[in-house]
Amino acid sequence: MSVSVEKLENSMARLTIEVSAEDFDKAVNQVYLRQKGSIAIPGFRKGKAPRKIIEKMYGAGVFFEDAANSCINSSYPDAVEECGEEVVSNPTIAVTQIEAGKPFIYTAEVALKPPVSLGKYKGVAVTKQDAPEATQEEIEAELKRQQDANAKIVDVTDRAVQSGDMIKLDYAGTVDGVAFDGGTAEDADLTIGSGSFIPGFEDQLIGTGIGEEKDVTVTFPENYHAKDLAGKEAVFHCKVNGIKEKQLPELNDEFADDVSEFSTLDEYKENIAKNITDRKTQEMRTAKENEAVNAVIEDSKIDIPAAMLTTQQEQLANEFAQNLQMQGMKLDMYLQYTGMTREQLVEQMKPQAERRILTRLVLEQIAKEENIEVTDEDFEDQLQKMADQYRAPIDNIRRVFDDEKAKADLKKDIAVQKAVTLVTDSAVESKEKPAPKEASAEEIAAATEKAVSAADGE
């Protein structure tokens, strides 16, 4: 395999990749071996026809497409590594030569890491924030959360449904007297006041006793995901089968001893206050980091190649789909509920993708200009943080980064975080919100020209 690089405008490049005739023929033969069992040729048992006979009957290029895909998949990563360029987008592939007995040649048009012109990155202005502290309301809210988490669930037999109860419920819904999909259930769990059902449904069940039946009338929201039900009035015939309630533990020293490592309620409250303050301190630090890095971005100049931005948008969309999957929902279902297409979702990711790219490029450039180094100790500290985060043995984490590329990527991430620390620690705090960057004469002229062009097109 050989590769040559042609630099194009706007940080784009065209890689021309040549796979030897011998390797291409091997790929063709592998495709033949995989597919011959499904090809019927008169005079031969299925799967026994020689490659030459199949090519004669169906054409010399019958296996070329799959062989080309195989060659591209196997050669492209090596070509990127061999060319020595920092490729930052998915490739646009075009085949330029595909013939028997000749090298297989294709091009890959890609975006390269664009140049970064840094502005000021030391001593940028950020908003000064007051020292964080835990409020009494926040402490009480955490105590209430722990009360709820440690409450006992008990059966209720001597009263009707109240707000906050957990009930077992049969219901059958109809619209204009006709049952609809998903409108019927038996022994369904429902917490009154949770807002998990159609607005108004839960409140109408308050006062209903065990074994009692009641018709509940509600109106589906106009934006309800099932379009055939949106905005329509429905009647649910309901029967309460059972009632349970939470019994909260009393807030005292015994409670503190049960739910924490502290023997008194006062000590437990002090610890809650410390944890809240620590959390607020970290949030404040993160906010300062974001404000400082954003100031650097605003003062820097970067032209993001369109292909790089598109690739980042696709990556964000894929991450979004993975997160949905972890929550038990498939992307197709989400798109159906929201009425969006995948293309619209990808377009929606554009501002976030642009911000992610700008942030990374700026911080990498700072790390480069400041000659930030990542020591073995830094690397081991990061592995330990990851082990703590995932609650996994550090040796398991270390094995993940045995690969040289994975190790280099992690070291780059550590250098970027060090750049964040440098920018943040050198930032100058002020009670007044930093003024927005003034546009240059060139930027004003470009914006004016853009506006005039847009007006002319109307």
Protein backbone atom coordinates (compact mmCIF):
# COMPACT_ATOMS: atom_id res chain seq x y z
CA MET A 1 0.00 0.00 0.00
CA SER A 2 1.16 3.54 -0.73
CA VAL A 3 -0.38 6.91 0.08
CA SER A 4 0.14 10.46 -1.19
CA VAL A 5 -1.33 13.69 0.20
CA GLU A 6 -2.66 16.67 -1.72
CA LYS A 7 -3.41 19.71 0.45
CA LEU A 8 -6.65 21.52 -0.45
CA GLU A 9 -8.24 24.78 0.71
CA ASN A 10 -9.87 25.28 4.14
CA SER A 11 -7.75 22.65 5.95
CA MET A 12 -8.92 19.87 3.63
CA ALA A 13 -6.73 17.21 2.01
CA ARG A 14 -7.08 14.44 -0.52
CA LEU A 15 -5.33 11.17 0.26
CA THR A 16 -4.65 8.97 -2.76
CA ILE A 17 -4.29 5.39 -1.56
CA GLU A 18 -2.98 2.58 -3.74
CA VAL A 19 -3.50 -1.09 -2.85
CA SER A 20 -1.28 -3.51 -4.79
CA ALA A 21 -2.81 -5.65 -7.53
CA GLU A 22 -1.83 -8.74 -5.56
CA ASP A 23 -3.63 -7.58 -2.39
CA PHE A 24 -6.70 -6.55 -4.38
CA ASP A 25 -6.84 -9.96 -6.07
CA LYS A 26 -6.61 -11.63 -2.63
CA ALA A 27 -9.58 -9.51 -1.50
CA VAL A 28 -11.54 -10.52 -4.62
CA ASN A 29 -10.79 -14.18 -3.96
CA GLN A 30 -11.90 -13.88 -0.34
CA VAL A 31 -15.22 -12.42 -1.51
CA TYR A 32 -15.57 -15.28 -4.00
CA LEU A 33 -14.96 -17.86 -1.24
CA ARG A 34 -17.60 -16.20 0.97
CA GLN A 35 -20.23 -15.89 -1.74
CA LYS A 36 -19.77 -18.91 -3.97
CA GLY A 37 -22.10 -21.04 -1.84
CA SER A 38 -25.05 -18.82 -2.78
CA ILE A 39 -24.34 -18.69 -6.53
CA ALA A 40 -26.02 -21.22 -8.82
CA ILE A 41 -24.27 -22.00 -12.15
CA PRO A 42 -25.75 -24.55 -14.60
CA GLY A 43 -23.61 -27.68 -14.73
CA PHE A 44 -22.11 -27.17 -11.26
CA ARG A 45 -23.31 -28.12 -7.82
CA LYS A 46 -24.16 -25.08 -5.71
CA GLY A 47 -20.96 -23.66 -4.26
CA LYS A 48 -18.67 -25.65 -6.56
CA ALA A 49 -18.42 -23.30 -9.55
CA PRO A 50 -14.86 -21.96 -10.13
CA ARG A 51 -14.30 -18.24 -9.78
CA LYS A 52 -13.40 -17.88 -13.49
CA ILE A 53 -16.71 -19.44 -14.54
CA ILE A 54 -18.71 -17.11 -12.26
CA GLU A 55 -16.83 -14.07 -13.54
CA LYS A 56 -17.39 -15.16 -17.13
CA MET A 57 -21.12 -15.52 -16.57
CA TYR A 58 -21.74 -12.44 -14.38
CA GLY A 59 -18.89 -10.18 -15.49
CA ALA A 60 -15.27 -9.74 -14.46
CA GLY A 61 -16.23 -7.24 -11.78
CA VAL A 62 -18.88 -9.34 -10.05
CA PHE A 63 -16.87 -9.40 -6.79
CA PHE A 64 -15.22 -5.99 -7.16
CA GLU A 65 -17.57 -3.88 -5.01
CA ASP A 66 -17.28 -6.05 -1.92
CA ALA A 67 -13.53 -6.48 -2.49
CA ALA A 68 -13.13 -2.70 -2.78
CA ASN A 69 -15.01 -2.16 0.50
CA SER A 70 -12.79 -4.74 2.17
CA CYS A 71 -9.62 -3.08 0.87
CA ILE A 72 -10.78 0.38 1.94
CA ASN A 73 -11.71 -0.78 5.45
CA SER A 74 -8.36 -2.50 5.94
CA SER A 75 -6.08 0.06 4.26
CA TYR A 76 -7.58 3.43 5.23
CA PRO A 77 -6.54 3.43 8.95
CA ASP A 78 -2.97 2.49 7.98
CA ALA A 79 -2.96 5.17 5.26
CA VAL A 80 -3.99 7.85 7.77
CA GLU A 81 -1.20 6.80 10.11
CA GLU A 82 1.35 6.62 7.30
CA CYS A 83 0.52 10.03 5.79
CA GLY A 84 1.54 11.80 9.01
CA GLU A 85 -1.38 14.23 8.93
CA GLU A 86 -3.84 14.81 11.79
CA VAL A 87 -7.14 13.78 10.20
CA VAL A 88 -10.19 15.12 12.07
CA SER A 89 -13.15 13.96 9.96
CA ASN A 90 -14.68 10.92 8.38
CA PRO A 91 -13.46 10.43 4.79
CA THR A 92 -15.35 10.97 1.56
CA ILE A 93 -14.28 8.03 -0.57
CA ALA A 94 -14.01 7.90 -4.38
CA VAL A 95 -12.65 4.95 -6.35
CA THR A 96 -10.35 6.01 -9.21
CA GLN A 97 -9.07 2.65 -10.48
CA ILE A 98 -10.54 -0.82 -10.12
CA GLU A 99 -9.47 -3.40 -12.72
CA ALA A 100 -8.33 -7.00 -12.67
CA GLY A 101 -4.54 -7.30 -12.60
CA LYS A 102 -4.02 -3.63 -11.68
CA PRO A 103 -3.57 -1.82 -8.35
CA PHE A 104 -6.78 -0.70 -6.66
CA ILE A 105 -6.66 3.09 -6.24
CA TYR A 106 -9.06 5.31 -4.32
CA THR A 107 -9.07 8.78 -2.82
CA ALA A 108 -10.20 9.88 0.62
CA GLU A 109 -11.08 13.55 1.07
CA VAL A 110 -10.67 14.52 4.72
CA ALA A 111 -10.43 17.51 7.02
CA LEU A 112 -7.11 18.17 8.72
CA LYS A 113 -6.69 19.79 12.11
CA PRO A 114 -7.03 23.52 11.34
CA PRO A 115 -4.52 26.15 12.49
CA VAL A 116 -5.33 27.99 15.71
CA SER A 117 -4.50 31.65 16.23
CA LEU A 118 -4.64 32.14 19.99
CA GLY A 119 -5.58 35.43 21.57
CA LYS A 120 -5.04 36.23 25.22
CA TYR A 121 -5.21 33.14 27.41
CA LYS A 122 -3.46 34.23 30.62
CA GLY A 123 -5.18 36.73 32.89
CA VAL A 124 -8.57 36.64 31.16
CA ALA A 125 -11.42 38.30 33.07
CA VAL A 126 -14.01 36.16 34.88
CA THR A 127 -16.85 36.97 37.25
CA LYS A 128 -15.96 36.84 40.94
CA GLN A 129 -18.32 34.65 42.96
CA ASP A 130 -19.06 34.66 46.67
CA ALA A 131 -17.65 31.85 48.80
CA PRO A 132 -20.12 28.95 48.75
CA GLU A 133 -22.00 27.83 51.82
CA ALA A 134 -24.84 25.44 52.57
CA THR A 135 -28.20 27.05 53.35
CA GLN A 136 -30.58 25.75 56.00
CA GLU A 137 -33.12 24.96 53.25
CA GLU A 138 -30.58 22.80 51.40
CA ILE A 139 -29.65 20.90 54.56
CA GLU A 140 -33.32 20.27 55.36
CA ALA A 141 -33.98 19.17 51.78
CA GLU A 142 -31.20 16.57 52.04
CA LEU A 143 -32.57 15.35 55.37
CA LYS A 144 -36.02 15.05 53.76
CA ARG A 145 -34.50 13.06 50.89
CA GLN A 146 -32.88 10.67 53.35
CA GLN A 147 -36.16 10.40 55.25
CA ASP A 148 -37.95 9.43 52.03
CA ALA A 149 -35.22 6.95 51.11
CA ASN A 150 -35.50 5.23 54.50
CA ALA A 151 -39.29 5.39 54.85
CA LYS A 152 -41.33 2.27 55.51
CA ILE A 153 -44.07 1.36 53.04
CA VAL A 154 -47.15 0.11 54.89
CA ASP A 155 -50.61 -1.04 53.81
CA VAL A 156 -53.55 1.25 54.48
CA THR A 157 -56.95 -0.31 55.10
CA ASP A 158 -58.91 2.25 57.12
CA ARG A 159 -59.16 5.28 54.83
CA ALA A 160 -59.54 6.49 51.26
CA VAL A 161 -56.83 7.60 48.83
CA GLN A 162 -54.80 10.68 49.82
CA SER A 163 -52.10 12.67 48.01
CA GLY A 164 -48.77 10.88 48.25
CA ASP A 165 -50.30 7.40 48.48
CA MET A 166 -49.07 4.52 46.32
CA ILE A 167 -52.06 2.64 44.95
CA LYS A 168 -52.85 -0.44 42.92
CA LEU A 169 -55.31 0.45 40.20
CA ASP A 170 -57.37 -1.13 37.43
CA TYR A 171 -58.37 1.25 34.65
CA ALA A 172 -59.96 1.09 31.22
CA GLY A 173 -59.96 4.21 29.06
CA THR A 174 -62.25 5.15 26.19
CA VAL A 175 -62.54 8.07 23.78
CA ASP A 176 -66.07 8.62 22.48
CA GLY A 177 -66.95 5.24 24.01
CA VAL A 178 -64.21 3.37 22.11
CA ALA A 179 -61.22 1.73 23.84
CA PHE A 180 -57.76 2.75 22.62
CA ASP A 181 -54.32 1.14 22.65
CA GLY A 182 -52.48 1.48 25.95
CA GLY A 183 -55.59 2.69 27.75
CA THR A 184 -56.23 -0.45 29.84
CA ALA A 185 -54.30 -1.96 32.75
CA GLU A 186 -54.81 -4.17 35.78
CA ASP A 187 -53.14 -3.70 39.16
CA ALA A 188 -51.06 -0.79 37.82
CA ASP A 189 -48.83 1.06 40.29
CA LEU A 190 -49.51 4.79 40.66
CA THR A 191 -48.24 7.36 43.17
CA ILE A 192 -50.82 10.08 43.70
CA GLY A 193 -49.27 13.48 43.06
CA SER A 194 -46.35 12.12 41.04
CA GLY A 195 -47.66 13.65 37.80
CA SER A 196 -46.87 10.44 35.96
CA PHE A 197 -50.32 10.16 34.43
CA ILE A 198 -52.42 12.55 32.32
CA PRO A 199 -52.92 15.92 34.11
CA GLY A 200 -55.97 15.83 36.37
CA PHE A 201 -56.17 12.02 36.52
CA GLU A 202 -54.50 11.49 39.89
CA ASP A 203 -56.32 14.29 41.72
CA GLN A 204 -59.72 12.81 40.82
CA LEU A 205 -58.83 9.55 42.58
CA ILE A 206 -58.34 11.28 45.95
CA GLY A 207 -61.12 10.22 48.29
CA THR A 208 -61.72 6.88 46.56
CA GLY A 209 -61.79 3.88 48.92
CA ILE A 210 -60.36 0.40 48.42
CA GLY A 211 -62.65 -1.61 46.15
CA GLU A 212 -64.50 1.48 44.97
CA GLU A 213 -64.97 2.23 41.27
CA LYS A 214 -64.95 5.67 39.74
CA ASP A 215 -65.03 7.28 36.29
CA VAL A 216 -62.23 9.81 35.75
CA THR A 217 -62.54 12.30 32.90
CA VAL A 218 -59.39 13.91 31.50
CA THR A 219 -58.21 15.63 28.32
CA PHE A 220 -55.03 14.49 26.59
CA PRO A 221 -52.49 17.33 26.09
CA GLU A 222 -52.36 18.88 22.62
CA ASN A 223 -48.72 17.76 22.29
CA TYR A 224 -49.41 14.16 23.39
CA HIS A 225 -47.10 11.71 21.59
CA ALA A 226 -49.99 9.60 20.27
CA LYS A 227 -51.35 12.01 17.66
CA ASP A 228 -54.74 10.26 17.43
CA LEU A 229 -55.35 11.03 21.13
CA ALA A 230 -53.85 14.53 21.35
CA GLY A 231 -56.37 17.10 22.62
CA LYS A 232 -59.18 14.55 23.03
CA GLU A 233 -61.33 13.94 26.09
CA ALA A 234 -61.11 10.44 27.59
CA VAL A 235 -63.03 8.62 30.31
CA PHE A 236 -61.20 6.07 32.48
CA HIS A 237 -63.25 3.61 34.48
CA CYS A 238 -61.08 3.00 37.54
CA LYS A 239 -61.05 0.66 40.52
CA VAL A 240 -58.70 1.08 43.50
CA ASN A 241 -57.40 -2.33 44.59
CA GLY A 242 -55.01 -1.29 47.34
CA ILE A 243 -53.41 1.65 49.14
CA LYS A 244 -49.94 2.00 50.65
CA GLU A 245 -48.34 4.97 52.35
CA LYS A 246 -44.87 6.05 53.37
CA GLN A 247 -44.10 6.28 57.09
CA LEU A 248 -41.17 8.63 57.52
CA PRO A 249 -38.64 7.96 60.32
CA GLU A 250 -38.30 10.61 63.00
CA LEU A 251 -35.33 12.97 62.61
CA ASN A 252 -33.27 12.26 65.73
CA ASP A 253 -29.93 10.81 66.83
CA GLU A 254 -31.18 7.27 66.19
CA PHE A 255 -32.01 8.19 62.59
CA ALA A 256 -28.52 9.70 62.09
CA ASP A 257 -26.91 6.56 63.51
CA ASP A 258 -28.96 4.34 61.17
CA VAL A 259 -28.30 6.19 57.90
CA SER A 260 -24.78 7.53 58.40
CA GLU A 261 -21.46 7.04 60.17
CA PHE A 262 -22.43 9.70 62.72
CA SER A 263 -24.03 9.02 66.08
CA THR A 264 -25.85 12.34 66.51
CA LEU A 265 -28.18 14.33 64.29
CA ASP A 266 -26.07 17.49 64.76
CA GLU A 267 -22.93 15.72 63.49
CA TYR A 268 -24.87 14.34 60.55
CA LYS A 269 -26.17 17.83 59.68
CA GLU A 270 -22.62 19.22 59.83
CA ASN A 271 -21.49 16.53 57.39
CA ILE A 272 -24.41 17.28 55.05
CA ALA A 273 -23.47 20.97 55.14
CA LYS A 274 -19.83 20.12 54.32
CA ASN A 275 -20.85 17.92 51.37
CA ILE A 276 -23.16 20.63 50.00
CA THR A 277 -20.39 23.22 50.33
CA ASP A 278 -17.88 20.92 48.63
CA ARG A 279 -20.33 20.33 45.77
CA LYS A 280 -20.97 24.06 45.38
CA THR A 281 -17.23 24.72 45.43
CA GLN A 282 -16.72 22.25 42.59
CA GLU A 283 -19.64 23.74 40.64
CA MET A 284 -18.13 27.19 41.13
CA ARG A 285 -14.76 25.94 39.90
CA THR A 286 -16.39 24.38 36.85
CA ALA A 287 -18.27 27.62 36.11
CA LYS A 288 -15.01 29.58 36.39
CA GLU A 289 -13.26 27.12 34.06
CA ASN A 290 -16.04 27.42 31.49
CA GLU A 291 -16.07 31.22 31.64
CA ALA A 292 -12.28 31.45 31.36
CA VAL A 293 -12.05 28.99 28.46
CA ASN A 294 -14.94 30.71 26.66
CA ALA A 295 -13.09 34.03 26.97
CA VAL A 296 -10.03 32.46 25.33
CA ILE A 297 -12.16 31.01 22.53
CA GLU A 298 -13.77 34.40 21.88
CA ASP A 299 -10.33 35.96 21.51
CA SER A 300 -8.97 33.22 19.20
CA LYS A 301 -9.38 32.65 15.48
CA ILE A 302 -10.19 29.20 14.06
CA ASP A 303 -11.84 28.21 10.80
CA ILE A 304 -13.48 24.84 11.37
CA PRO A 305 -13.60 22.68 8.22
CA ALA A 306 -17.19 21.73 7.37
CA ALA A 307 -16.30 18.02 7.28
CA MET A 308 -14.85 18.22 10.79
CA LEU A 309 -18.03 19.85 12.09
CA THR A 310 -20.26 17.27 10.38
CA THR A 311 -18.22 14.42 11.86
CA GLN A 312 -18.52 15.91 15.36
CA GLN A 313 -22.29 16.36 14.92
CA GLU A 314 -22.61 12.69 13.95
CA GLN A 315 -20.55 11.67 16.95
CA LEU A 316 -22.75 13.67 19.31
CA ALA A 317 -25.87 12.14 17.76
CA ASN A 318 -24.41 8.67 18.28
CA GLU A 319 -23.57 9.50 21.91
CA PHE A 320 -27.14 10.74 22.38
CA ALA A 321 -28.47 7.46 20.96
CA GLN A 322 -26.23 5.45 23.30
CA ASN A 323 -27.46 7.43 26.31
CA LEU A 324 -31.05 6.80 25.26
CA GLN A 325 -30.27 3.09 24.94
CA MET A 326 -28.90 3.06 28.50
CA GLN A 327 -32.22 4.53 29.65
CA GLY A 328 -34.14 1.81 27.84
CA MET A 329 -35.24 3.80 24.80
CA LYS A 330 -34.19 3.32 21.19
CA LEU A 331 -33.40 6.32 18.99
CA ASP A 332 -36.14 5.38 16.51
CA MET A 333 -38.72 5.54 19.29
CA TYR A 334 -37.41 8.92 20.47
CA LEU A 335 -37.56 10.32 16.95
CA GLN A 336 -41.11 9.03 16.58
CA TYR A 337 -42.20 10.70 19.85
CA THR A 338 -40.57 14.02 19.00
CA GLY A 339 -41.54 14.02 15.32
CA MET A 340 -37.92 14.61 14.30
CA THR A 341 -35.81 12.91 11.65
CA ARG A 342 -32.27 11.76 12.36
CA GLU A 343 -31.02 14.48 10.01
CA GLN A 344 -32.83 17.10 12.11
CA LEU A 345 -31.32 15.65 15.29
CA VAL A 346 -27.83 15.86 13.76
CA GLU A 347 -28.47 19.48 12.71
CA GLN A 348 -29.65 20.24 16.25
CA MET A 349 -26.23 19.13 17.49
CA LYS A 350 -24.39 21.79 15.44
CA PRO A 351 -23.88 24.49 18.13
CA GLN A 352 -22.73 21.90 20.69
CA ALA A 353 -20.42 20.28 18.14
CA GLU A 354 -18.89 23.64 17.21
CA ARG A 355 -18.30 24.55 20.86
CA ARG A 356 -16.71 21.17 21.58
CA ILE A 357 -14.33 21.51 18.61
CA LEU A 358 -13.34 25.09 19.45
CA THR A 359 -12.72 24.21 23.09
CA ARG A 360 -10.54 21.24 22.25
CA LEU A 361 -8.52 23.01 19.57
CA VAL A 362 -7.84 26.06 21.74
CA LEU A 363 -6.76 23.98 24.75
CA GLU A 364 -4.54 21.72 22.65
CA GLN A 365 -2.84 24.80 21.20
CA ILE A 366 -2.28 26.26 24.69
CA ALA A 367 -0.77 22.95 25.81
CA LYS A 368 1.53 23.06 22.79
CA GLU A 369 2.63 26.67 23.25
CA GLU A 370 3.19 26.21 26.98
CA ASN A 371 5.10 22.94 26.41
CA ILE A 372 2.83 21.21 28.89
CA GLU A 373 4.19 17.77 29.69
CA VAL A 374 2.37 14.74 31.08
CA THR A 375 4.49 12.82 33.55
CA ASP A 376 4.18 9.14 34.45
CA GLU A 377 2.78 10.31 37.79
CA ASP A 378 0.10 12.35 36.01
CA PHE A 379 -0.81 9.31 33.93
CA GLU A 380 -1.06 7.02 36.98
CA ASP A 381 -3.14 9.60 38.87
CA GLN A 382 -5.61 9.72 35.99
CA LEU A 383 -5.84 5.93 35.89
CA GLN A 384 -6.60 5.93 39.63
CA LYS A 385 -9.33 8.57 39.18
CA MET A 386 -10.92 6.44 36.47
CA ALA A 387 -10.69 3.33 38.66
CA ASP A 388 -12.41 5.22 41.50
CA GLN A 389 -15.07 6.59 39.14
CA TYR A 390 -15.94 3.19 37.68
CA ARG A 391 -15.28 1.29 40.93
CA ALA A 392 -12.95 -1.05 39.08
CA PRO A 393 -9.50 -2.45 39.94
CA ILE A 394 -6.81 -0.12 38.60
CA ASP A 395 -5.14 -3.04 36.78
CA ASN A 396 -8.31 -3.45 34.71
CA ILE A 397 -8.18 0.24 33.76
CA ARG A 398 -4.46 0.00 33.03
CA ARG A 399 -5.05 -2.85 30.58
CA VAL A 400 -7.45 -0.66 28.60
CA PHE A 401 -4.57 1.77 27.98
CA ASP A 402 -1.90 -0.82 27.13
CA ASP A 403 -2.43 0.10 23.49
CA GLU A 404 -0.06 2.91 22.44
CA LYS A 405 -2.76 4.93 20.67
CA ALA A 406 -5.12 4.72 23.65
CA LYS A 407 -2.27 5.76 25.94
CA ALA A 408 -1.35 8.71 23.69
CA ASP A 409 -5.00 9.84 23.54
CA LEU A 410 -5.31 9.76 27.32
CA LYS A 411 -2.08 11.74 27.73
CA LYS A 412 -3.45 14.33 25.32
CA ASP A 413 -6.61 14.56 27.44
CA ILE A 414 -4.49 15.10 30.57
CA ALA A 415 -2.50 17.85 28.83
CA VAL A 416 -5.76 19.53 27.82
CA GLN A 417 -6.98 19.45 31.43
CA LYS A 418 -3.69 20.98 32.54
CA ALA A 419 -4.27 23.76 30.02
CA VAL A 420 -7.71 24.35 31.55
CA THR A 421 -6.08 24.65 34.98
CA LEU A 422 -3.49 27.10 33.64
CA VAL A 423 -6.13 29.33 32.05
CA THR A 424 -8.41 29.20 35.11
CA ASP A 425 -5.75 29.77 37.76
CA SER A 426 -4.38 32.78 35.90
CA ALA A 427 -7.83 34.33 35.34
CA VAL A 428 -8.57 37.67 36.99
CA GLU A 429 -11.80 37.79 39.00
CA SER A 430 -14.04 40.84 38.96
CA LYS A 431 -17.43 41.55 40.52
CA GLU A 432 -18.53 43.09 37.24
CA LYS A 433 -19.40 40.75 34.41
CA PRO A 434 -16.62 40.85 31.76
CA ALA A 435 -17.51 43.00 28.76
CA PRO A 436 -18.03 41.16 25.48
CA LYS A 437 -15.16 41.26 23.01
CA GLU A 438 -15.39 44.17 20.58
CA ALA A 439 -15.63 43.19 16.95
CA SER A 440 -12.71 44.11 14.72
CA ALA A 441 -13.15 46.28 11.63
CA GLU A 442 -12.71 43.18 9.45
CA GLU A 443 -15.40 41.29 11.39
CA ILE A 444 -17.83 44.22 11.18
CA ALA A 445 -17.25 44.51 7.43
CA ALA A 446 -17.78 40.76 6.95
CA ALA A 447 -21.00 40.83 9.00
CA THR A 448 -22.28 43.83 7.05
CA GLU A 449 -21.53 42.13 3.72
CA LYS A 450 -23.34 38.99 4.90
CA ALA A 451 -26.40 41.00 5.96
CA VAL A 452 -26.51 42.88 2.64
CA SER A 453 -26.23 39.60 0.70
CA ALA A 454 -29.08 38.10 2.74
CA ALA A 455 -31.25 41.16 2.11
CA ASP A 456 -30.56 41.02 -1.63
CA GLY A 457 -31.68 37.39 -1.69
CA GLU A 458 -35.08 38.10 -0.15
